[in-house]
Amino acid sequence: MELTKYINTKVKLSAEESQTIDVAFRRELHPKGTLLADPGNRSQKVHFIEKGMLRTFYNKDGKDITHFFFDENAFTMSLESVYFNKIDPYGREVLEETMLRTIQVKEFNDLFNQIDAFKSFVFLVSVETIKQFSDKLFALQFQTAEQRYQSMIDNYSNILLRVPLGHIASYLGITQQTLSVIRGQK
């Protein structure tokens, strides 16, 4: 969904506010496999996904571990770099051809301070994102591998059809072999 149409599903922007936001976010089309940022970056960009999918990932003992998936109507940015002036341990990879809307954090903050409805929107999206990460943490701490996979089927079935199994396994905190066994039991 286009950025301003998505924002207007949560808050109401005036035509002028929609235009201001639309102009501020650049359009970027990225092919599958594009690395938007390596782990260890200091990115100062905010990305909104109009079409496509990204993943954040980190490297642990030479292994590539998927941290999170972001598909249409999602924002992603480096919290560590932007808010804590630290190196971001997460990289960002495009998993399928993706249309991004991208803005520098300074410009994003300017919009945030200028447009009250945008400020409300950012708050709502932030709470939704915190809930998603809270759910993932709960799953990793208290659910079995089978329960985590079933939860992914129930809540994010579109991701299962669009992402390589190795990325799904690392996201779930299991090996690809364990994932194959779980899928074989279904």
N, C-alpha and C. Protein backbone atom coordinates (compact mmCIF):
# COMPACT_ATOMS: atom_id res chain seq x y z
N MET A 1 0.85 -1.17 0.00
CA MET A 1 0.00 0.00 0.00
C MET A 1 0.90 1.24 0.00
N GLU A 2 0.48 2.25 -0.69
CA GLU A 2 1.25 3.49 -0.70
C GLU A 2 1.32 4.09 0.69
N LEU A 3 2.44 4.74 0.96
CA LEU A 3 2.73 5.28 2.29
C LEU A 3 1.60 6.15 2.84
N THR A 4 1.21 7.16 2.13
CA THR A 4 0.20 8.08 2.68
C THR A 4 -1.17 7.41 2.81
N LYS A 5 -1.49 6.49 1.93
CA LYS A 5 -2.76 5.74 2.07
C LYS A 5 -2.71 4.92 3.35
N TYR A 6 -1.56 4.29 3.61
CA TYR A 6 -1.41 3.51 4.83
C TYR A 6 -1.55 4.40 6.07
N ILE A 7 -0.87 5.53 6.08
CA ILE A 7 -0.97 6.43 7.23
C ILE A 7 -2.42 6.82 7.47
N ASN A 8 -3.14 7.09 6.37
CA ASN A 8 -4.54 7.50 6.49
C ASN A 8 -5.48 6.38 6.95
N THR A 9 -5.01 5.14 7.01
CA THR A 9 -5.83 4.07 7.60
C THR A 9 -5.79 4.14 9.13
N LYS A 10 -4.82 4.86 9.66
CA LYS A 10 -4.65 4.93 11.12
C LYS A 10 -4.97 6.32 11.68
N VAL A 11 -4.64 7.36 10.93
CA VAL A 11 -4.93 8.75 11.32
C VAL A 11 -5.38 9.48 10.07
N LYS A 12 -5.95 10.64 10.24
CA LYS A 12 -6.41 11.40 9.08
C LYS A 12 -5.47 12.58 8.83
N LEU A 13 -4.83 12.55 7.65
CA LEU A 13 -3.96 13.64 7.21
C LEU A 13 -4.75 14.55 6.28
N SER A 14 -4.43 15.83 6.31
CA SER A 14 -4.99 16.73 5.31
C SER A 14 -4.29 16.45 3.98
N ALA A 15 -4.85 16.96 2.89
CA ALA A 15 -4.22 16.79 1.57
C ALA A 15 -2.82 17.40 1.57
N GLU A 16 -2.67 18.52 2.22
CA GLU A 16 -1.36 19.18 2.28
C GLU A 16 -0.36 18.36 3.09
N GLU A 17 -0.80 17.80 4.22
CA GLU A 17 0.08 16.96 5.04
C GLU A 17 0.48 15.70 4.28
N SER A 18 -0.47 15.10 3.58
CA SER A 18 -0.17 13.91 2.76
C SER A 18 0.88 14.23 1.71
N GLN A 19 0.72 15.36 1.06
CA GLN A 19 1.67 15.79 0.02
C GLN A 19 3.05 16.01 0.63
N THR A 20 3.12 16.67 1.78
CA THR A 20 4.40 16.94 2.44
C THR A 20 5.13 15.64 2.77
N ILE A 21 4.40 14.68 3.31
CA ILE A 21 5.00 13.38 3.66
C ILE A 21 5.40 12.62 2.41
N ASP A 22 4.53 12.61 1.41
CA ASP A 22 4.81 11.88 0.17
C ASP A 22 6.09 12.38 -0.50
N VAL A 23 6.28 13.70 -0.52
CA VAL A 23 7.47 14.28 -1.14
C VAL A 23 8.74 13.99 -0.33
N ALA A 24 8.59 13.94 1.00
CA ALA A 24 9.77 13.76 1.87
C ALA A 24 10.38 12.36 1.78
N PHE A 25 9.54 11.35 1.55
CA PHE A 25 10.03 9.96 1.47
C PHE A 25 10.37 9.64 0.01
N ARG A 26 11.65 9.31 -0.26
CA ARG A 26 12.08 8.93 -1.61
C ARG A 26 11.61 7.51 -1.93
N ARG A 27 11.31 7.27 -3.21
CA ARG A 27 10.98 5.92 -3.67
C ARG A 27 12.28 5.23 -4.09
N GLU A 28 12.42 3.98 -3.69
CA GLU A 28 13.59 3.18 -4.06
C GLU A 28 13.12 1.77 -4.39
N LEU A 29 13.44 1.30 -5.59
CA LEU A 29 13.13 -0.07 -5.98
C LEU A 29 14.41 -0.88 -5.85
N HIS A 30 14.35 -1.96 -5.06
CA HIS A 30 15.53 -2.80 -4.82
C HIS A 30 15.25 -4.22 -5.25
N PRO A 31 16.17 -4.83 -6.01
CA PRO A 31 15.99 -6.23 -6.39
C PRO A 31 16.26 -7.18 -5.21
N LYS A 32 15.74 -8.37 -5.34
CA LYS A 32 15.99 -9.43 -4.35
C LYS A 32 17.50 -9.56 -4.12
N GLY A 33 17.88 -9.72 -2.85
CA GLY A 33 19.28 -9.92 -2.51
C GLY A 33 20.03 -8.64 -2.19
N THR A 34 19.42 -7.48 -2.39
CA THR A 34 20.08 -6.22 -2.07
C THR A 34 20.33 -6.14 -0.58
N LEU A 35 21.55 -5.78 -0.23
CA LEU A 35 21.90 -5.56 1.17
C LEU A 35 21.79 -4.06 1.44
N LEU A 36 20.76 -3.68 2.18
CA LEU A 36 20.57 -2.26 2.49
C LEU A 36 21.57 -1.78 3.53
N ALA A 37 21.95 -2.67 4.43
CA ALA A 37 22.92 -2.34 5.47
C ALA A 37 23.53 -3.63 5.99
N ASP A 38 24.83 -3.61 6.21
CA ASP A 38 25.53 -4.73 6.84
C ASP A 38 25.36 -4.66 8.35
N PRO A 39 25.47 -5.80 9.05
CA PRO A 39 25.56 -5.71 10.50
C PRO A 39 26.78 -4.84 10.85
N GLY A 40 26.62 -4.02 11.87
CA GLY A 40 27.71 -3.12 12.24
C GLY A 40 27.59 -1.76 11.59
N ASN A 41 26.42 -1.43 11.06
CA ASN A 41 26.22 -0.15 10.38
C ASN A 41 25.84 0.95 11.36
N ARG A 42 25.79 2.17 10.85
CA ARG A 42 25.32 3.34 11.61
C ARG A 42 24.26 4.08 10.79
N SER A 43 23.34 3.34 10.22
CA SER A 43 22.34 3.90 9.34
C SER A 43 21.49 4.97 10.04
N GLN A 44 21.20 5.99 9.30
CA GLN A 44 20.34 7.08 9.77
C GLN A 44 19.11 7.19 8.86
N LYS A 45 18.64 6.04 8.37
CA LYS A 45 17.51 6.02 7.45
C LYS A 45 16.32 5.31 8.08
N VAL A 46 15.13 5.78 7.70
CA VAL A 46 13.88 5.11 8.04
C VAL A 46 13.32 4.58 6.73
N HIS A 47 12.92 3.30 6.72
CA HIS A 47 12.37 2.67 5.53
C HIS A 47 10.92 2.28 5.79
N PHE A 48 10.07 2.53 4.80
CA PHE A 48 8.70 2.03 4.79
C PHE A 48 8.56 1.13 3.58
N ILE A 49 7.98 -0.04 3.77
CA ILE A 49 7.85 -1.01 2.68
C ILE A 49 6.46 -0.88 2.06
N GLU A 50 6.43 -0.40 0.83
CA GLU A 50 5.17 -0.34 0.09
C GLU A 50 4.84 -1.69 -0.54
N LYS A 51 5.87 -2.36 -1.03
CA LYS A 51 5.69 -3.68 -1.65
C LYS A 51 6.99 -4.45 -1.48
N GLY A 52 6.88 -5.71 -1.07
CA GLY A 52 8.07 -6.53 -0.93
C GLY A 52 8.32 -6.95 0.51
N MET A 53 9.55 -7.40 0.75
CA MET A 53 9.90 -7.92 2.07
C MET A 53 11.39 -7.74 2.36
N LEU A 54 11.68 -7.41 3.63
CA LEU A 54 13.05 -7.32 4.14
C LEU A 54 13.18 -8.25 5.34
N ARG A 55 14.40 -8.48 5.69
CA ARG A 55 14.66 -9.13 6.97
C ARG A 55 15.79 -8.38 7.64
N THR A 56 15.76 -8.36 8.97
CA THR A 56 16.93 -7.91 9.71
C THR A 56 17.62 -9.17 10.19
N PHE A 57 18.93 -9.11 10.27
CA PHE A 57 19.71 -10.29 10.65
C PHE A 57 20.99 -9.85 11.33
N TYR A 58 21.60 -10.79 12.03
CA TYR A 58 22.91 -10.56 12.64
C TYR A 58 23.76 -11.80 12.43
N ASN A 59 25.04 -11.66 12.70
CA ASN A 59 25.96 -12.78 12.58
C ASN A 59 26.41 -13.20 13.97
N LYS A 60 26.32 -14.49 14.24
CA LYS A 60 26.72 -15.04 15.52
C LYS A 60 27.59 -16.26 15.26
N ASP A 61 28.84 -16.18 15.65
CA ASP A 61 29.78 -17.29 15.47
C ASP A 61 29.81 -17.77 14.02
N GLY A 62 29.80 -16.82 13.08
CA GLY A 62 29.86 -17.13 11.67
C GLY A 62 28.54 -17.57 11.06
N LYS A 63 27.47 -17.59 11.86
CA LYS A 63 26.16 -17.97 11.35
C LYS A 63 25.30 -16.73 11.15
N ASP A 64 24.52 -16.74 10.10
CA ASP A 64 23.59 -15.68 9.76
C ASP A 64 22.25 -16.01 10.44
N ILE A 65 21.81 -15.16 11.37
CA ILE A 65 20.59 -15.40 12.14
C ILE A 65 19.56 -14.32 11.81
N THR A 66 18.37 -14.74 11.40
CA THR A 66 17.30 -13.80 11.10
C THR A 66 16.68 -13.30 12.41
N HIS A 67 16.64 -12.00 12.55
CA HIS A 67 16.07 -11.36 13.73
C HIS A 67 14.58 -11.11 13.54
N PHE A 68 14.19 -10.56 12.37
CA PHE A 68 12.80 -10.21 12.15
C PHE A 68 12.52 -10.05 10.66
N PHE A 69 11.27 -10.22 10.28
CA PHE A 69 10.82 -10.00 8.90
C PHE A 69 9.94 -8.76 8.86
N PHE A 70 10.07 -7.99 7.79
CA PHE A 70 9.23 -6.81 7.58
C PHE A 70 8.66 -6.89 6.18
N ASP A 71 7.33 -6.87 6.07
CA ASP A 71 6.71 -6.89 4.75
C ASP A 71 5.89 -5.62 4.57
N GLU A 72 4.96 -5.65 3.64
CA GLU A 72 4.21 -4.45 3.29
C GLU A 72 3.64 -3.75 4.53
N ASN A 73 3.65 -2.42 4.45
CA ASN A 73 3.10 -1.55 5.48
C ASN A 73 3.87 -1.62 6.80
N ALA A 74 5.17 -1.84 6.70
CA ALA A 74 6.02 -1.88 7.89
C ALA A 74 7.14 -0.85 7.75
N PHE A 75 7.54 -0.33 8.89
CA PHE A 75 8.68 0.57 8.97
C PHE A 75 9.83 -0.18 9.61
N THR A 76 11.05 0.15 9.21
CA THR A 76 12.23 -0.38 9.88
C THR A 76 13.32 0.68 9.86
N MET A 77 14.11 0.66 10.92
CA MET A 77 15.23 1.59 11.05
C MET A 77 16.18 1.04 12.10
N SER A 78 17.35 1.62 12.20
CA SER A 78 18.33 1.21 13.18
C SER A 78 18.11 1.97 14.48
N LEU A 79 17.45 1.35 15.42
CA LEU A 79 17.22 2.00 16.72
C LEU A 79 18.53 2.29 17.43
N GLU A 80 19.47 1.35 17.35
CA GLU A 80 20.74 1.52 18.04
C GLU A 80 21.50 2.75 17.55
N SER A 81 21.56 2.92 16.24
CA SER A 81 22.28 4.06 15.67
C SER A 81 21.55 5.37 15.92
N VAL A 82 20.26 5.37 15.66
CA VAL A 82 19.48 6.61 15.71
C VAL A 82 19.31 7.12 17.13
N TYR A 83 18.91 6.24 18.04
CA TYR A 83 18.55 6.71 19.38
C TYR A 83 19.63 6.51 20.45
N PHE A 84 20.60 5.65 20.19
CA PHE A 84 21.60 5.38 21.20
C PHE A 84 23.03 5.66 20.73
N ASN A 85 23.18 6.16 19.49
CA ASN A 85 24.48 6.47 18.93
C ASN A 85 25.46 5.29 19.04
N LYS A 86 24.94 4.11 18.76
CA LYS A 86 25.75 2.88 18.81
C LYS A 86 25.73 2.23 17.45
N ILE A 87 26.66 1.31 17.26
CA ILE A 87 26.68 0.51 16.03
C ILE A 87 25.49 -0.44 16.06
N ASP A 88 24.80 -0.53 14.93
CA ASP A 88 23.65 -1.42 14.81
C ASP A 88 24.15 -2.84 14.53
N PRO A 89 23.81 -3.80 15.39
CA PRO A 89 24.27 -5.17 15.14
C PRO A 89 23.51 -5.86 14.02
N TYR A 90 22.42 -5.24 13.54
CA TYR A 90 21.58 -5.87 12.54
C TYR A 90 21.81 -5.33 11.14
N GLY A 91 21.86 -6.24 10.19
CA GLY A 91 21.87 -5.87 8.79
C GLY A 91 20.45 -5.93 8.26
N ARG A 92 20.26 -5.37 7.06
CA ARG A 92 18.95 -5.39 6.42
C ARG A 92 19.11 -5.90 4.99
N GLU A 93 18.36 -6.96 4.67
CA GLU A 93 18.45 -7.58 3.35
C GLU A 93 17.07 -7.63 2.70
N VAL A 94 17.04 -7.35 1.41
CA VAL A 94 15.82 -7.42 0.61
C VAL A 94 15.61 -8.88 0.20
N LEU A 95 14.43 -9.44 0.52
CA LEU A 95 14.16 -10.85 0.24
C LEU A 95 13.41 -11.08 -1.06
N GLU A 96 12.79 -10.06 -1.60
CA GLU A 96 12.13 -10.10 -2.90
C GLU A 96 12.12 -8.67 -3.42
N GLU A 97 11.90 -8.52 -4.72
CA GLU A 97 11.89 -7.16 -5.25
C GLU A 97 11.01 -6.28 -4.36
N THR A 98 11.56 -5.15 -3.93
CA THR A 98 10.89 -4.35 -2.91
C THR A 98 10.88 -2.88 -3.28
N MET A 99 9.71 -2.26 -3.12
CA MET A 99 9.56 -0.82 -3.27
C MET A 99 9.57 -0.21 -1.87
N LEU A 100 10.63 0.55 -1.61
CA LEU A 100 10.77 1.22 -0.32
C LEU A 100 10.48 2.70 -0.47
N ARG A 101 10.04 3.29 0.62
CA ARG A 101 10.01 4.74 0.76
C ARG A 101 11.01 5.02 1.87
N THR A 102 12.00 5.84 1.58
CA THR A 102 13.12 6.06 2.50
C THR A 102 13.28 7.53 2.80
N ILE A 103 13.62 7.81 4.05
CA ILE A 103 13.84 9.18 4.51
C ILE A 103 14.96 9.18 5.54
N GLN A 104 15.74 10.23 5.57
CA GLN A 104 16.76 10.39 6.61
C GLN A 104 16.05 10.68 7.94
N VAL A 105 16.63 10.23 9.03
CA VAL A 105 16.02 10.39 10.34
C VAL A 105 15.76 11.86 10.67
N LYS A 106 16.68 12.73 10.32
CA LYS A 106 16.49 14.16 10.62
C LYS A 106 15.22 14.68 9.94
N GLU A 107 15.02 14.32 8.68
CA GLU A 107 13.81 14.75 7.97
C GLU A 107 12.56 14.09 8.56
N PHE A 108 12.69 12.84 8.96
CA PHE A 108 11.58 12.12 9.61
C PHE A 108 11.17 12.85 10.88
N ASN A 109 12.16 13.23 11.68
CA ASN A 109 11.89 13.95 12.92
C ASN A 109 11.26 15.31 12.66
N ASP A 110 11.67 15.96 11.58
CA ASP A 110 11.05 17.24 11.21
C ASP A 110 9.56 17.05 10.93
N LEU A 111 9.21 15.99 10.18
CA LEU A 111 7.80 15.70 9.91
C LEU A 111 7.06 15.40 11.22
N PHE A 112 7.70 14.64 12.06
CA PHE A 112 7.13 14.27 13.36
C PHE A 112 6.79 15.52 14.16
N ASN A 113 7.68 16.50 14.15
CA ASN A 113 7.47 17.72 14.92
C ASN A 113 6.52 18.71 14.25
N GLN A 114 6.34 18.60 12.94
CA GLN A 114 5.50 19.55 12.20
C GLN A 114 4.05 19.10 12.08
N ILE A 115 3.81 17.79 12.02
CA ILE A 115 2.48 17.27 11.70
C ILE A 115 1.95 16.44 12.87
N ASP A 116 0.98 16.97 13.58
CA ASP A 116 0.44 16.29 14.76
C ASP A 116 -0.12 14.90 14.43
N ALA A 117 -0.82 14.79 13.32
CA ALA A 117 -1.38 13.49 12.94
C ALA A 117 -0.27 12.47 12.68
N PHE A 118 0.85 12.92 12.11
CA PHE A 118 1.98 12.03 11.86
C PHE A 118 2.58 11.58 13.20
N LYS A 119 2.64 12.47 14.16
CA LYS A 119 3.15 12.12 15.49
C LYS A 119 2.26 11.02 16.10
N SER A 120 0.95 11.17 15.98
CA SER A 120 0.03 10.15 16.49
C SER A 120 0.22 8.83 15.77
N PHE A 121 0.40 8.90 14.45
CA PHE A 121 0.63 7.71 13.65
C PHE A 121 1.90 6.98 14.10
N VAL A 122 2.98 7.71 14.28
CA VAL A 122 4.25 7.10 14.70
C VAL A 122 4.08 6.41 16.05
N PHE A 123 3.34 7.02 16.94
CA PHE A 123 3.09 6.40 18.25
C PHE A 123 2.35 5.07 18.07
N LEU A 124 1.28 5.07 17.28
CA LEU A 124 0.50 3.85 17.06
C LEU A 124 1.35 2.74 16.44
N VAL A 125 2.13 3.07 15.44
CA VAL A 125 2.98 2.08 14.78
C VAL A 125 4.06 1.57 15.74
N SER A 126 4.59 2.44 16.56
CA SER A 126 5.61 2.03 17.54
C SER A 126 5.04 1.02 18.53
N VAL A 127 3.83 1.26 19.01
CA VAL A 127 3.20 0.33 19.95
C VAL A 127 2.95 -1.02 19.28
N GLU A 128 2.48 -1.01 18.03
CA GLU A 128 2.26 -2.27 17.29
C GLU A 128 3.57 -3.04 17.13
N THR A 129 4.64 -2.33 16.82
CA THR A 129 5.94 -2.98 16.64
C THR A 129 6.47 -3.55 17.95
N ILE A 130 6.32 -2.81 19.03
CA ILE A 130 6.73 -3.31 20.34
C ILE A 130 5.97 -4.59 20.67
N LYS A 131 4.68 -4.61 20.36
CA LYS A 131 3.87 -5.82 20.61
C LYS A 131 4.39 -7.02 19.81
N GLN A 132 4.76 -6.79 18.55
CA GLN A 132 5.29 -7.89 17.74
C GLN A 132 6.59 -8.44 18.35
N PHE A 133 7.48 -7.55 18.79
CA PHE A 133 8.73 -8.02 19.39
C PHE A 133 8.48 -8.69 20.74
N SER A 134 7.51 -8.20 21.49
CA SER A 134 7.14 -8.83 22.76
C SER A 134 6.61 -10.24 22.53
N ASP A 135 5.77 -10.40 21.50
CA ASP A 135 5.26 -11.73 21.16
C ASP A 135 6.38 -12.67 20.78
N LYS A 136 7.36 -12.18 20.02
CA LYS A 136 8.48 -13.03 19.62
C LYS A 136 9.30 -13.45 20.84
N LEU A 137 9.56 -12.51 21.74
CA LEU A 137 10.32 -12.84 22.94
C LEU A 137 9.58 -13.88 23.79
N PHE A 138 8.29 -13.69 23.95
CA PHE A 138 7.48 -14.66 24.69
C PHE A 138 7.59 -16.05 24.05
N ALA A 139 7.46 -16.09 22.72
CA ALA A 139 7.53 -17.37 22.02
C ALA A 139 8.87 -18.06 22.24
N LEU A 140 9.95 -17.30 22.14
CA LEU A 140 11.28 -17.90 22.31
C LEU A 140 11.49 -18.39 23.74
N GLN A 141 10.90 -17.71 24.71
CA GLN A 141 11.11 -18.08 26.11
C GLN A 141 10.18 -19.20 26.58
N PHE A 142 8.96 -19.24 26.05
CA PHE A 142 7.97 -20.11 26.66
C PHE A 142 7.31 -21.14 25.73
N GLN A 143 7.59 -21.09 24.44
CA GLN A 143 6.95 -22.02 23.53
C GLN A 143 7.95 -23.03 22.98
N THR A 144 7.42 -24.19 22.64
CA THR A 144 8.25 -25.20 21.98
C THR A 144 8.47 -24.77 20.52
N ALA A 145 9.37 -25.44 19.86
CA ALA A 145 9.62 -25.16 18.44
C ALA A 145 8.34 -25.37 17.63
N GLU A 146 7.61 -26.43 17.95
CA GLU A 146 6.36 -26.70 17.23
C GLU A 146 5.34 -25.58 17.45
N GLN A 147 5.24 -25.07 18.68
CA GLN A 147 4.31 -23.99 18.97
C GLN A 147 4.72 -22.69 18.25
N ARG A 148 6.02 -22.44 18.20
CA ARG A 148 6.49 -21.22 17.50
C ARG A 148 6.17 -21.31 16.02
N TYR A 149 6.37 -22.49 15.43
CA TYR A 149 6.05 -22.67 14.02
C TYR A 149 4.55 -22.52 13.78
N GLN A 150 3.74 -23.12 14.63
CA GLN A 150 2.28 -23.01 14.48
C GLN A 150 1.84 -21.55 14.63
N SER A 151 2.44 -20.84 15.54
CA SER A 151 2.12 -19.42 15.71
C SER A 151 2.47 -18.62 14.46
N MET A 152 3.58 -18.98 13.83
CA MET A 152 3.96 -18.31 12.59
C MET A 152 2.94 -18.61 11.50
N ILE A 153 2.49 -19.85 11.42
CA ILE A 153 1.46 -20.21 10.44
C ILE A 153 0.19 -19.40 10.70
N ASP A 154 -0.20 -19.31 11.97
CA ASP A 154 -1.44 -18.62 12.33
C ASP A 154 -1.37 -17.11 12.10
N ASN A 155 -0.22 -16.52 12.37
CA ASN A 155 -0.12 -15.06 12.35
C ASN A 155 0.62 -14.47 11.15
N TYR A 156 1.51 -15.25 10.54
CA TYR A 156 2.34 -14.72 9.46
C TYR A 156 2.46 -15.71 8.32
N SER A 157 1.35 -16.32 7.92
CA SER A 157 1.41 -17.35 6.89
C SER A 157 1.96 -16.81 5.57
N ASN A 158 1.76 -15.52 5.29
CA ASN A 158 2.29 -14.95 4.05
C ASN A 158 3.82 -15.00 4.02
N ILE A 159 4.45 -14.89 5.16
CA ILE A 159 5.92 -14.94 5.22
C ILE A 159 6.41 -16.33 4.85
N LEU A 160 5.72 -17.36 5.29
CA LEU A 160 6.14 -18.74 5.02
C LEU A 160 6.21 -19.03 3.52
N LEU A 161 5.38 -18.36 2.76
CA LEU A 161 5.36 -18.59 1.31
C LEU A 161 6.40 -17.75 0.57
N ARG A 162 7.01 -16.79 1.23
CA ARG A 162 7.86 -15.82 0.56
C ARG A 162 9.33 -15.86 0.99
N VAL A 163 9.65 -16.65 1.99
CA VAL A 163 10.97 -16.60 2.61
C VAL A 163 11.62 -17.97 2.59
N PRO A 164 12.93 -18.05 2.31
CA PRO A 164 13.62 -19.34 2.35
C PRO A 164 13.54 -19.99 3.74
N LEU A 165 13.45 -21.32 3.74
CA LEU A 165 13.29 -22.06 5.00
C LEU A 165 14.44 -21.82 5.98
N GLY A 166 15.64 -21.61 5.48
CA GLY A 166 16.77 -21.34 6.37
C GLY A 166 16.56 -20.08 7.19
N HIS A 167 16.00 -19.05 6.57
CA HIS A 167 15.71 -17.80 7.29
C HIS A 167 14.60 -18.01 8.32
N ILE A 168 13.59 -18.80 7.94
CA ILE A 168 12.49 -19.08 8.86
C ILE A 168 13.00 -19.86 10.07
N ALA A 169 13.82 -20.87 9.83
CA ALA A 169 14.37 -21.67 10.92
C ALA A 169 15.17 -20.80 11.89
N SER A 170 16.04 -19.95 11.37
CA SER A 170 16.86 -19.12 12.27
C SER A 170 15.99 -18.11 13.02
N TYR A 171 14.94 -17.59 12.37
CA TYR A 171 14.00 -16.68 13.04
C TYR A 171 13.31 -17.39 14.21
N LEU A 172 12.94 -18.66 13.99
CA LEU A 172 12.25 -19.43 15.03
C LEU A 172 13.21 -19.96 16.11
N GLY A 173 14.51 -19.82 15.88
CA GLY A 173 15.49 -20.28 16.86
C GLY A 173 15.72 -21.77 16.81
N ILE A 174 15.57 -22.35 15.62
CA ILE A 174 15.76 -23.80 15.45
C ILE A 174 16.62 -24.05 14.22
N THR A 175 17.08 -25.30 14.08
CA THR A 175 17.85 -25.65 12.89
C THR A 175 16.90 -25.90 11.73
N GLN A 176 17.45 -25.88 10.54
CA GLN A 176 16.64 -26.16 9.35
C GLN A 176 16.17 -27.61 9.38
N GLN A 177 16.98 -28.49 9.93
CA GLN A 177 16.60 -29.90 10.04
C GLN A 177 15.38 -30.05 10.96
N THR A 178 15.40 -29.35 12.10
CA THR A 178 14.27 -29.40 13.03
C THR A 178 13.01 -28.86 12.36
N LEU A 179 13.17 -27.77 11.60
CA LEU A 179 12.02 -27.21 10.88
C LEU A 179 11.46 -28.22 9.88
N SER A 180 12.32 -28.93 9.19
CA SER A 180 11.86 -29.94 8.24
C SER A 180 11.07 -31.04 8.94
N VAL A 181 11.54 -31.46 10.10
CA VAL A 181 10.84 -32.50 10.87
C VAL A 181 9.46 -31.99 11.29
N ILE A 182 9.40 -30.76 11.79
CA ILE A 182 8.11 -30.17 12.22
C ILE A 182 7.16 -30.07 11.03
N ARG A 183 7.66 -29.60 9.90
CA ARG A 183 6.80 -29.47 8.72
C ARG A 183 6.34 -30.83 8.23
N GLY A 184 7.17 -31.86 8.37
CA GLY A 184 6.81 -33.19 7.94
C GLY A 184 5.70 -33.81 8.79
N GLN A 185 5.56 -33.33 10.02
CA GLN A 185 4.54 -33.85 10.91
C GLN A 185 3.18 -33.21 10.66
N LYS A 186 3.13 -32.14 9.93
CA LYS A 186 1.87 -31.40 9.70
C LYS A 186 1.03 -32.07 8.63
